[in-house]
């Protein structure tokens, strides 16, 4: 909390993209260090989601499978290209993932 009677310095990390859009804001107490691997993970996740129009789940790391925000193929597309079935898998009815080759 920011109070004038109790001035506490906070470390604030902004991640700003090439279009000058703030993509992430992280607040850290002065007593707590920042995890550089997590910062790199956030930047890589933002780049991946922008480039591939996908979602990254919690604890995602570069090279891990990504989520797709849509049903990945129609029955006709699957009939035309059976390999599509090997590129995607689902957990439950609505959570679809795309395999990323490592």
PDB file of N, CA and C in Angstrom:
ATOM      1  N   UNK A   1       0.837  -1.179   0.000  1.00  0.00           N
ATOM      2  CA  UNK A   1       0.000   0.000   0.000  1.00  0.00           C
ATOM      3  C   UNK A   1       0.880   1.240   0.000  1.00  0.00           C
ATOM      4  N   UNK A   2       0.404   2.275  -0.631  1.00  0.00           N
ATOM      5  CA  UNK A   2       1.137   3.532  -0.663  1.00  0.00           C
ATOM      6  C   UNK A   2       0.450   4.526   0.270  1.00  0.00           C
ATOM      7  N   UNK A   3       1.132   4.897   1.354  1.00  0.00           N
ATOM      8  CA  UNK A   3       0.607   5.884   2.284  1.00  0.00           C
ATOM      9  C   UNK A   3       1.689   6.920   2.533  1.00  0.00           C
ATOM     10  N   UNK A   4       1.288   8.183   2.611  1.00  0.00           N
ATOM     11  CA  UNK A   4       2.277   9.239   2.834  1.00  0.00           C
ATOM     12  C   UNK A   4       2.876   9.151   4.230  1.00  0.00           C
ATOM     13  N   UNK A   5       2.147   8.571   5.191  1.00  0.00           N
ATOM     14  CA  UNK A   5       2.674   8.452   6.549  1.00  0.00           C
ATOM     15  C   UNK A   5       3.631   7.276   6.701  1.00  0.00           C
ATOM     16  N   UNK A   6       3.608   6.363   5.757  1.00  0.00           N
ATOM     17  CA  UNK A   6       4.459   5.181   5.819  1.00  0.00           C
ATOM     18  C   UNK A   6       5.086   4.954   4.445  1.00  0.00           C
ATOM     19  N   UNK A   7       6.091   5.760   4.096  1.00  0.00           N
ATOM     20  CA  UNK A   7       6.661   5.630   2.749  1.00  0.00           C
ATOM     21  C   UNK A   7       7.469   4.336   2.603  1.00  0.00           C
ATOM     22  N   UNK A   8       6.948   3.427   1.819  1.00  0.00           N
ATOM     23  CA  UNK A   8       7.631   2.167   1.550  1.00  0.00           C
ATOM     24  C   UNK A   8       7.991   2.143   0.075  1.00  0.00           C
ATOM     25  N   UNK A   9       9.242   1.891  -0.208  1.00  0.00           N
ATOM     26  CA  UNK A   9       9.679   1.829  -1.598  1.00  0.00           C
ATOM     27  C   UNK A   9       9.263   0.489  -2.177  1.00  0.00           C
ATOM     28  N   UNK A  10       8.659   0.530  -3.351  1.00  0.00           N
ATOM     29  CA  UNK A  10       8.257  -0.680  -4.061  1.00  0.00           C
ATOM     30  C   UNK A  10       9.085  -0.783  -5.334  1.00  0.00           C
ATOM     31  N   UNK A  11       9.441  -1.992  -5.687  1.00  0.00           N
ATOM     32  CA  UNK A  11      10.082  -2.229  -6.973  1.00  0.00           C
ATOM     33  C   UNK A  11       8.979  -2.580  -7.955  1.00  0.00           C
ATOM     34  N   UNK A  12       8.916  -1.870  -9.043  1.00  0.00           N
ATOM     35  CA  UNK A  12       7.867  -2.093 -10.030  1.00  0.00           C
ATOM     36  C   UNK A  12       8.528  -2.419 -11.362  1.00  0.00           C
ATOM     37  N   UNK A  13       8.075  -3.504 -11.978  1.00  0.00           N
ATOM     38  CA  UNK A  13       8.597  -3.931 -13.270  1.00  0.00           C
ATOM     39  C   UNK A  13       7.513  -3.740 -14.320  1.00  0.00           C
ATOM     40  N   UNK A  14       7.816  -2.991 -15.361  1.00  0.00           N
ATOM     41  CA  UNK A  14       6.911  -2.811 -16.490  1.00  0.00           C
ATOM     42  C   UNK A  14       7.485  -3.559 -17.685  1.00  0.00           C
ATOM     43  N   UNK A  15       6.658  -4.326 -18.371  1.00  0.00           N
ATOM     44  CA  UNK A  15       7.059  -4.930 -19.637  1.00  0.00           C
ATOM     45  C   UNK A  15       6.261  -4.215 -20.711  1.00  0.00           C
ATOM     46  N   UNK A  16       6.973  -3.528 -21.615  1.00  0.00           N
ATOM     47  CA  UNK A  16       6.357  -2.697 -22.650  1.00  0.00           C
ATOM     48  C   UNK A  16       6.765  -3.255 -24.002  1.00  0.00           C
ATOM     49  N   UNK A  17       5.788  -3.448 -24.892  1.00  0.00           N
ATOM     50  CA  UNK A  17       6.100  -4.041 -26.197  1.00  0.00           C
ATOM     51  C   UNK A  17       6.586  -2.987 -27.188  1.00  0.00           C
ATOM     52  N   UNK A  18       6.886  -3.414 -28.394  1.00  0.00           N
ATOM     53  CA  UNK A  18       7.445  -2.521 -29.418  1.00  0.00           C
ATOM     54  C   UNK A  18       6.449  -1.461 -29.876  1.00  0.00           C
ATOM     55  N   UNK A  19       5.168  -1.647 -29.578  1.00  0.00           N
ATOM     56  CA  UNK A  19       4.137  -0.654 -29.915  1.00  0.00           C
ATOM     57  C   UNK A  19       3.875   0.289 -28.743  1.00  0.00           C
ATOM     58  N   UNK A  20       4.740   0.243 -27.733  1.00  0.00           N
ATOM     59  CA  UNK A  20       4.624   1.047 -26.517  1.00  0.00           C
ATOM     60  C   UNK A  20       3.360   0.753 -25.722  1.00  0.00           C
ATOM     61  N   UNK A  21       2.923  -0.501 -25.748  1.00  0.00           N
ATOM     62  CA  UNK A  21       1.776  -0.940 -24.962  1.00  0.00           C
ATOM     63  C   UNK A  21       2.306  -1.679 -23.738  1.00  0.00           C
ATOM     64  N   UNK A  22       1.835  -1.275 -22.567  1.00  0.00           N
ATOM     65  CA  UNK A  22       2.238  -1.949 -21.335  1.00  0.00           C
ATOM     66  C   UNK A  22       1.555  -3.308 -21.305  1.00  0.00           C
ATOM     67  N   UNK A  23       2.333  -4.354 -21.285  1.00  0.00           N
ATOM     68  CA  UNK A  23       1.797  -5.718 -21.332  1.00  0.00           C
ATOM     69  C   UNK A  23       1.779  -6.381 -19.965  1.00  0.00           C
ATOM     70  N   UNK A  24       2.620  -5.929 -19.057  1.00  0.00           N
ATOM     71  CA  UNK A  24       2.679  -6.538 -17.730  1.00  0.00           C
ATOM     72  C   UNK A  24       3.212  -5.515 -16.740  1.00  0.00           C
ATOM     73  N   UNK A  25       2.602  -5.496 -15.555  1.00  0.00           N
ATOM     74  CA  UNK A  25       3.084  -4.666 -14.450  1.00  0.00           C
ATOM     75  C   UNK A  25       3.195  -5.577 -13.236  1.00  0.00           C
ATOM     76  N   UNK A  26       4.364  -5.620 -12.646  1.00  0.00           N
ATOM     77  CA  UNK A  26       4.590  -6.462 -11.468  1.00  0.00           C
ATOM     78  C   UNK A  26       5.134  -5.600 -10.338  1.00  0.00           C
ATOM     79  N   UNK A  27       4.514  -5.700  -9.170  1.00  0.00           N
ATOM     80  CA  UNK A  27       4.947  -4.974  -7.979  1.00  0.00           C
ATOM     81  C   UNK A  27       5.672  -5.938  -7.049  1.00  0.00           C
ATOM     82  N   UNK A  28       6.805  -5.504  -6.539  1.00  0.00           N
ATOM     83  CA  UNK A  28       7.581  -6.319  -5.617  1.00  0.00           C
ATOM     84  C   UNK A  28       7.876  -5.500  -4.366  1.00  0.00           C
ATOM     85  N   UNK A  29       7.718  -6.081  -3.178  1.00  0.00           N
ATOM     86  CA  UNK A  29       8.163  -5.384  -1.972  1.00  0.00           C
ATOM     87  C   UNK A  29       9.683  -5.229  -2.014  1.00  0.00           C
ATOM     88  N   UNK A  30      10.180  -4.197  -1.391  1.00  0.00           N
ATOM     89  CA  UNK A  30      11.616  -3.936  -1.386  1.00  0.00           C
ATOM     90  C   UNK A  30      12.399  -5.121  -0.808  1.00  0.00           C
ATOM     91  N   UNK A  31      11.771  -5.850   0.108  1.00  0.00           N
ATOM     92  CA  UNK A  31      12.461  -6.944   0.780  1.00  0.00           C
ATOM     93  C   UNK A  31      12.508  -8.224  -0.056  1.00  0.00           C
ATOM     94  N   UNK A  32      11.797  -8.265  -1.170  1.00  0.00           N
ATOM     95  CA  UNK A  32      11.689  -9.487  -1.970  1.00  0.00           C
ATOM     96  C   UNK A  32      12.369  -9.274  -3.319  1.00  0.00           C
ATOM     97  N   UNK A  33      13.260 -10.174  -3.675  1.00  0.00           N
ATOM     98  CA  UNK A  33      13.952 -10.072  -4.957  1.00  0.00           C
ATOM     99  C   UNK A  33      13.073 -10.504  -6.115  1.00  0.00           C
ATOM    100  N   UNK A  34      13.457 -10.071  -7.294  1.00  0.00           N
ATOM    101  CA  UNK A  34      12.731 -10.458  -8.508  1.00  0.00           C
ATOM    102  C   UNK A  34      13.352 -11.718  -9.091  1.00  0.00           C
ATOM    103  N   UNK A  35      12.512 -12.564  -9.634  1.00  0.00           N
ATOM    104  CA  UNK A  35      12.963 -13.808 -10.248  1.00  0.00           C
ATOM    105  C   UNK A  35      13.176 -13.551 -11.738  1.00  0.00           C
ATOM    106  N   UNK A  36      14.422 -13.512 -12.165  1.00  0.00           N
ATOM    107  CA  UNK A  36      14.720 -13.189 -13.563  1.00  0.00           C
ATOM    108  C   UNK A  36      14.188 -14.241 -14.525  1.00  0.00           C
ATOM    109  N   UNK A  37      14.169 -15.512 -14.113  1.00  0.00           N
ATOM    110  CA  UNK A  37      13.617 -16.554 -14.985  1.00  0.00           C
ATOM    111  C   UNK A  37      12.133 -16.310 -15.239  1.00  0.00           C
ATOM    112  N   UNK A  38      11.419 -15.836 -14.226  1.00  0.00           N
ATOM    113  CA  UNK A  38       9.990 -15.549 -14.401  1.00  0.00           C
ATOM    114  C   UNK A  38       9.791 -14.360 -15.337  1.00  0.00           C
ATOM    115  N   UNK A  39      10.647 -13.363 -15.248  1.00  0.00           N
ATOM    116  CA  UNK A  39      10.541 -12.207 -16.142  1.00  0.00           C
ATOM    117  C   UNK A  39      10.793 -12.639 -17.583  1.00  0.00           C
ATOM    118  N   UNK A  40      11.814 -13.450 -17.800  1.00  0.00           N
ATOM    119  CA  UNK A  40      12.100 -13.966 -19.149  1.00  0.00           C
ATOM    120  C   UNK A  40      10.933 -14.819 -19.635  1.00  0.00           C
ATOM    121  N   UNK A  41      10.364 -15.642 -18.743  1.00  0.00           N
ATOM    122  CA  UNK A  41       9.222 -16.491 -19.101  1.00  0.00           C
ATOM    123  C   UNK A  41       8.033 -15.642 -19.548  1.00  0.00           C
ATOM    124  N   UNK A  42       7.769 -14.549 -18.856  1.00  0.00           N
ATOM    125  CA  UNK A  42       6.663 -13.664 -19.231  1.00  0.00           C
ATOM    126  C   UNK A  42       6.903 -13.072 -20.613  1.00  0.00           C
ATOM    127  N   UNK A  43       8.118 -12.583 -20.865  1.00  0.00           N
ATOM    128  CA  UNK A  43       8.435 -11.989 -22.172  1.00  0.00           C
ATOM    129  C   UNK A  43       8.295 -13.035 -23.276  1.00  0.00           C
ATOM    130  N   UNK A  44       8.827 -14.237 -23.070  1.00  0.00           N
ATOM    131  CA  UNK A  44       8.718 -15.308 -24.071  1.00  0.00           C
ATOM    132  C   UNK A  44       7.258 -15.703 -24.291  1.00  0.00           C
ATOM    133  N   UNK A  45       6.477 -15.764 -23.226  1.00  0.00           N
ATOM    134  CA  UNK A  45       5.057 -16.110 -23.359  1.00  0.00           C
ATOM    135  C   UNK A  45       4.313 -15.045 -24.158  1.00  0.00           C
ATOM    136  N   UNK A  46       4.595 -13.780 -23.901  1.00  0.00           N
ATOM    137  CA  UNK A  46       3.939 -12.705 -24.653  1.00  0.00           C
ATOM    138  C   UNK A  46       4.325 -12.753 -26.128  1.00  0.00           C
ATOM    139  N   UNK A  47       5.604 -12.993 -26.417  1.00  0.00           N
ATOM    140  CA  UNK A  47       6.036 -13.105 -27.816  1.00  0.00           C
ATOM    141  C   UNK A  47       5.349 -14.277 -28.505  1.00  0.00           C
ATOM    142  N   UNK A  48       5.283 -15.417 -27.825  1.00  0.00           N
ATOM    143  CA  UNK A  48       4.663 -16.613 -28.405  1.00  0.00           C
ATOM    144  C   UNK A  48       3.182 -16.392 -28.665  1.00  0.00           C
ATOM    145  N   UNK A  49       2.476 -15.814 -27.708  1.00  0.00           N
ATOM    146  CA  UNK A  49       1.037 -15.605 -27.886  1.00  0.00           C
ATOM    147  C   UNK A  49       0.753 -14.603 -28.988  1.00  0.00           C
ATOM    148  N   UNK A  50       1.595 -13.596 -29.125  1.00  0.00           N
ATOM    149  CA  UNK A  50       1.405 -12.615 -30.202  1.00  0.00           C
ATOM    150  C   UNK A  50       1.666 -13.232 -31.573  1.00  0.00           C
ATOM    151  N   UNK A  51       2.718 -14.015 -31.691  1.00  0.00           N
ATOM    152  CA  UNK A  51       3.102 -14.584 -32.990  1.00  0.00           C
ATOM    153  C   UNK A  51       2.159 -15.687 -33.453  1.00  0.00           C
ATOM    154  N   UNK A  52       1.709 -16.531 -32.535  1.00  0.00           N
ATOM    155  CA  UNK A  52       0.954 -17.723 -32.928  1.00  0.00           C
ATOM    156  C   UNK A  52      -0.535 -17.654 -32.598  1.00  0.00           C
ATOM    157  N   UNK A  53      -0.987 -16.557 -31.983  1.00  0.00           N
ATOM    158  CA  UNK A  53      -2.395 -16.421 -31.592  1.00  0.00           C
ATOM    159  C   UNK A  53      -2.846 -17.602 -30.738  1.00  0.00           C
ATOM    160  N   UNK A  54      -2.064 -17.903 -29.717  1.00  0.00           N
ATOM    161  CA  UNK A  54      -2.348 -19.000 -28.798  1.00  0.00           C
ATOM    162  C   UNK A  54      -2.340 -18.460 -27.371  1.00  0.00           C
ATOM    163  N   UNK A  55      -2.582 -19.339 -26.422  1.00  0.00           N
ATOM    164  CA  UNK A  55      -2.551 -18.991 -25.006  1.00  0.00           C
ATOM    165  C   UNK A  55      -1.475 -19.828 -24.330  1.00  0.00           C
ATOM    166  N   UNK A  56      -0.857 -19.285 -23.292  1.00  0.00           N
ATOM    167  CA  UNK A  56       0.130 -20.056 -22.549  1.00  0.00           C
ATOM    168  C   UNK A  56      -0.431 -20.351 -21.160  1.00  0.00           C
ATOM    169  N   UNK A  57      -0.466 -21.623 -20.761  1.00  0.00           N
ATOM    170  CA  UNK A  57      -0.997 -21.970 -19.440  1.00  0.00           C
ATOM    171  C   UNK A  57      -0.019 -21.608 -18.324  1.00  0.00           C
ATOM    172  N   UNK A  58      -0.474 -21.746 -17.095  1.00  0.00           N
ATOM    173  CA  UNK A  58       0.386 -21.493 -15.935  1.00  0.00           C
ATOM    174  C   UNK A  58       1.621 -22.380 -16.006  1.00  0.00           C
ATOM    175  N   UNK A  59       2.724 -21.838 -15.569  1.00  0.00           N
ATOM    176  CA  UNK A  59       4.010 -22.550 -15.537  1.00  0.00           C
ATOM    177  C   UNK A  59       4.531 -22.922 -16.920  1.00  0.00           C
ATOM    178  N   UNK A  60       4.006 -22.295 -17.960  1.00  0.00           N
ATOM    179  CA  UNK A  60       4.462 -22.549 -19.323  1.00  0.00           C
ATOM    180  C   UNK A  60       5.899 -22.064 -19.459  1.00  0.00           C
ATOM    181  N   UNK A  61       6.689 -22.815 -20.216  1.00  0.00           N
ATOM    182  CA  UNK A  61       8.046 -22.405 -20.571  1.00  0.00           C
ATOM    183  C   UNK A  61       8.220 -22.564 -22.067  1.00  0.00           C
ATOM    184  N   UNK A  62       9.159 -21.828 -22.636  1.00  0.00           N
ATOM    185  CA  UNK A  62       9.394 -21.884 -24.075  1.00  0.00           C
ATOM    186  C   UNK A  62       9.607 -23.332 -24.510  1.00  0.00           C
ATOM    187  N   UNK A  63       8.870 -23.737 -25.553  1.00  0.00           N
ATOM    188  CA  UNK A  63       8.949 -25.097 -26.056  1.00  0.00           C
ATOM    189  C   UNK A  63       7.844 -25.999 -25.543  1.00  0.00           C
ATOM    190  N   UNK A  64       7.144 -25.572 -24.478  1.00  0.00           N
ATOM    191  CA  UNK A  64       6.022 -26.358 -23.967  1.00  0.00           C
ATOM    192  C   UNK A  64       4.825 -26.206 -24.900  1.00  0.00           C
ATOM    193  N   UNK A  65       3.901 -27.156 -24.816  1.00  0.00           N
ATOM    194  CA  UNK A  65       2.678 -27.069 -25.606  1.00  0.00           C
ATOM    195  C   UNK A  65       1.881 -25.836 -25.192  1.00  0.00           C
ATOM    196  N   UNK A  66       1.119 -25.302 -26.131  1.00  0.00           N
ATOM    197  CA  UNK A  66       0.322 -24.098 -25.888  1.00  0.00           C
ATOM    198  C   UNK A  66      -1.159 -24.424 -26.029  1.00  0.00           C
ATOM    199  N   UNK A  67      -1.980 -23.565 -25.472  1.00  0.00           N
ATOM    200  CA  UNK A  67      -3.425 -23.738 -25.587  1.00  0.00           C
ATOM    201  C   UNK A  67      -3.919 -22.964 -26.802  1.00  0.00           C
ATOM    202  N   UNK A  68      -4.971 -23.474 -27.420  1.00  0.00           N
ATOM    203  CA  UNK A  68      -5.585 -22.748 -28.529  1.00  0.00           C
ATOM    204  C   UNK A  68      -6.961 -22.261 -28.067  1.00  0.00           C
ATOM    205  N   UNK A  69      -7.314 -21.015 -28.382  1.00  0.00           N
ATOM    206  CA  UNK A  69      -8.565 -20.436 -27.887  1.00  0.00           C
ATOM    207  C   UNK A  69      -9.776 -20.770 -28.757  1.00  0.00           C
ATOM    208  N   UNK A  70      -9.694 -21.814 -29.527  1.00  0.00           N
ATOM    209  CA  UNK A  70     -10.749 -22.173 -30.468  1.00  0.00           C
ATOM    210  C   UNK A  70     -10.667 -23.674 -30.723  1.00  0.00           C
ATOM    211  N   UNK A  71     -11.715 -24.243 -31.301  1.00  0.00           N
ATOM    212  CA  UNK A  71     -11.652 -25.638 -31.717  1.00  0.00           C
ATOM    213  C   UNK A  71     -10.670 -25.701 -32.879  1.00  0.00           C
ATOM    214  N   UNK A  72      -9.651 -26.553 -32.829  1.00  0.00           N
ATOM    215  CA  UNK A  72      -8.535 -26.456 -33.772  1.00  0.00           C
ATOM    216  C   UNK A  72      -8.822 -26.869 -35.212  1.00  0.00           C
ATOM    217  N   UNK A  73      -9.864 -27.650 -35.451  1.00  0.00           N
ATOM    218  CA  UNK A  73     -10.127 -28.070 -36.827  1.00  0.00           C
ATOM    219  C   UNK A  73     -11.574 -28.537 -36.950  1.00  0.00           C
ATOM    220  N   UNK A  74     -12.069 -28.487 -38.173  1.00  0.00           N
ATOM    221  CA  UNK A  74     -13.410 -28.997 -38.457  1.00  0.00           C
ATOM    222  C   UNK A  74     -13.304 -30.445 -38.921  1.00  0.00           C
ATOM    223  N   UNK A  75     -14.425 -31.116 -38.995  1.00  0.00           N
ATOM    224  CA  UNK A  75     -14.423 -32.503 -39.485  1.00  0.00           C
ATOM    225  C   UNK A  75     -13.917 -32.564 -40.925  1.00  0.00           C
ATOM    226  N   UNK A  76     -14.267 -31.564 -41.723  1.00  0.00           N
ATOM    227  CA  UNK A  76     -13.822 -31.530 -43.114  1.00  0.00           C
ATOM    228  C   UNK A  76     -12.307 -31.332 -43.197  1.00  0.00           C
ATOM    229  N   UNK A  77     -11.780 -30.412 -42.397  1.00  0.00           N
ATOM    230  CA  UNK A  77     -10.330 -30.194 -42.385  1.00  0.00           C
ATOM    231  C   UNK A  77      -9.593 -31.457 -41.939  1.00  0.00           C
ATOM    232  N   UNK A  78     -10.148 -32.163 -40.961  1.00  0.00           N
ATOM    233  CA  UNK A  78      -9.529 -33.400 -40.497  1.00  0.00           C
ATOM    234  C   UNK A  78      -9.586 -34.481 -41.574  1.00  0.00           C
ATOM    235  N   UNK A  79     -10.693 -34.534 -42.314  1.00  0.00           N
ATOM    236  CA  UNK A  79     -10.803 -35.511 -43.406  1.00  0.00           C
ATOM    237  C   UNK A  79      -9.787 -35.208 -44.501  1.00  0.00           C
ATOM    238  N   UNK A  80      -9.575 -33.919 -44.783  1.00  0.00           N
ATOM    239  CA  UNK A  80      -8.617 -33.515 -45.812  1.00  0.00           C
ATOM    240  C   UNK A  80      -7.166 -33.698 -45.359  1.00  0.00           C
ATOM    241  N   UNK A  81      -6.925 -33.541 -44.064  1.00  0.00           N
ATOM    242  CA  UNK A  81      -5.563 -33.619 -43.533  1.00  0.00           C
ATOM    243  C   UNK A  81      -5.573 -34.382 -42.204  1.00  0.00           C
ATOM    244  N   UNK A  82      -5.504 -35.706 -42.228  1.00  0.00           N
ATOM    245  CA  UNK A  82      -5.559 -36.510 -40.997  1.00  0.00           C
ATOM    246  C   UNK A  82      -4.431 -36.218 -40.008  1.00  0.00           C
ATOM    247  N   UNK A  83      -3.335 -35.627 -40.485  1.00  0.00           N
ATOM    248  CA  UNK A  83      -2.211 -35.307 -39.597  1.00  0.00           C
ATOM    249  C   UNK A  83      -2.575 -34.242 -38.565  1.00  0.00           C
ATOM    250  N   UNK A  84      -3.625 -33.471 -38.823  1.00  0.00           N
ATOM    251  CA  UNK A  84      -4.050 -32.457 -37.857  1.00  0.00           C
ATOM    252  C   UNK A  84      -4.327 -33.069 -36.490  1.00  0.00           C
ATOM    253  N   UNK A  85      -4.852 -34.281 -36.496  1.00  0.00           N
ATOM    254  CA  UNK A  85      -5.189 -34.936 -35.235  1.00  0.00           C
ATOM    255  C   UNK A  85      -3.952 -35.165 -34.369  1.00  0.00           C
ATOM    256  N   UNK A  86      -2.788 -35.289 -34.997  1.00  0.00           N
ATOM    257  CA  UNK A  86      -1.545 -35.495 -34.251  1.00  0.00           C
ATOM    258  C   UNK A  86      -0.946 -34.199 -33.721  1.00  0.00           C
ATOM    259  N   UNK A  87      -1.415 -33.052 -34.223  1.00  0.00           N
ATOM    260  CA  UNK A  87      -0.880 -31.761 -33.789  1.00  0.00           C
ATOM    261  C   UNK A  87      -1.575 -31.215 -32.553  1.00  0.00           C
ATOM    262  N   UNK A  88      -2.776 -31.707 -32.262  1.00  0.00           N
ATOM    263  CA  UNK A  88      -3.584 -31.163 -31.174  1.00  0.00           C
ATOM    264  C   UNK A  88      -4.044 -32.274 -30.243  1.00  0.00           C
ATOM    265  N   UNK A  89      -4.312 -31.923 -29.007  1.00  0.00           N
ATOM    266  CA  UNK A  89      -4.954 -32.839 -28.060  1.00  0.00           C
ATOM    267  C   UNK A  89      -5.801 -32.006 -27.108  1.00  0.00           C
ATOM    268  N   UNK A  90      -6.727 -32.660 -26.455  1.00  0.00           N
ATOM    269  CA  UNK A  90      -7.595 -31.916 -25.552  1.00  0.00           C
ATOM    270  C   UNK A  90      -7.638 -32.558 -24.177  1.00  0.00           C
ATOM    271  N   UNK A  91      -7.948 -31.715 -23.203  1.00  0.00           N
ATOM    272  CA  UNK A  91      -8.200 -32.147 -21.836  1.00  0.00           C
ATOM    273  C   UNK A  91      -9.618 -31.682 -21.533  1.00  0.00           C
ATOM    274  N   UNK A  92     -10.502 -32.612 -21.342  1.00  0.00           N
ATOM    275  CA  UNK A  92     -11.904 -32.247 -21.185  1.00  0.00           C
ATOM    276  C   UNK A  92     -12.498 -31.907 -22.536  1.00  0.00           C
ATOM    277  N   UNK A  93     -13.594 -31.202 -22.503  1.00  0.00           N
ATOM    278  CA  UNK A  93     -14.327 -30.900 -23.726  1.00  0.00           C
ATOM    279  C   UNK A  93     -13.864 -29.625 -24.417  1.00  0.00           C
ATOM    280  N   UNK A  94     -13.337 -28.675 -23.656  1.00  0.00           N
ATOM    281  CA  UNK A  94     -13.080 -27.357 -24.226  1.00  0.00           C
ATOM    282  C   UNK A  94     -11.623 -26.899 -24.162  1.00  0.00           C
ATOM    283  N   UNK A  95     -10.769 -27.637 -23.504  1.00  0.00           N
ATOM    284  CA  UNK A  95      -9.385 -27.201 -23.339  1.00  0.00           C
ATOM    285  C   UNK A  95      -8.499 -27.911 -24.360  1.00  0.00           C
ATOM    286  N   UNK A  96      -8.174 -27.195 -25.445  1.00  0.00           N
ATOM    287  CA  UNK A  96      -7.375 -27.763 -26.536  1.00  0.00           C
ATOM    288  C   UNK A  96      -5.953 -27.238 -26.488  1.00  0.00           C
ATOM    289  N   UNK A  97      -5.011 -28.131 -26.749  1.00  0.00           N
ATOM    290  CA  UNK A  97      -3.592 -27.795 -26.761  1.00  0.00           C
ATOM    291  C   UNK A  97      -2.997 -28.115 -28.123  1.00  0.00           C
ATOM    292  N   UNK A  98      -1.988 -27.331 -28.497  1.00  0.00           N
ATOM    293  CA  UNK A  98      -1.233 -27.591 -29.717  1.00  0.00           C
ATOM    294  C   UNK A  98       0.146 -28.076 -29.300  1.00  0.00           C
ATOM    295  N   UNK A  99       0.561 -29.180 -29.891  1.00  0.00           N
ATOM    296  CA  UNK A  99       1.880 -29.730 -29.582  1.00  0.00           C
ATOM    297  C   UNK A  99       2.949 -28.859 -30.223  1.00  0.00           C
ATOM    298  N   UNK A 100       3.964 -28.567 -29.458  1.00  0.00           N
ATOM    299  CA  UNK A 100       5.101 -27.793 -29.946  1.00  0.00           C
ATOM    300  C   UNK A 100       6.295 -28.736 -29.959  1.00  0.00           C
ATOM    301  N   UNK A 101       6.957 -28.816 -31.093  1.00  0.00           N
ATOM    302  CA  UNK A 101       8.131 -29.695 -31.163  1.00  0.00           C
ATOM    303  C   UNK A 101       9.285 -29.045 -30.424  1.00  0.00           C
ATOM    304  N   UNK A 102       9.932 -29.820 -29.579  1.00  0.00           N
ATOM    305  CA  UNK A 102      11.053 -29.295 -28.778  1.00  0.00           C
ATOM    306  C   UNK A 102      12.363 -29.605 -29.449  1.00  0.00           C
TER     307      UNK A 102
END
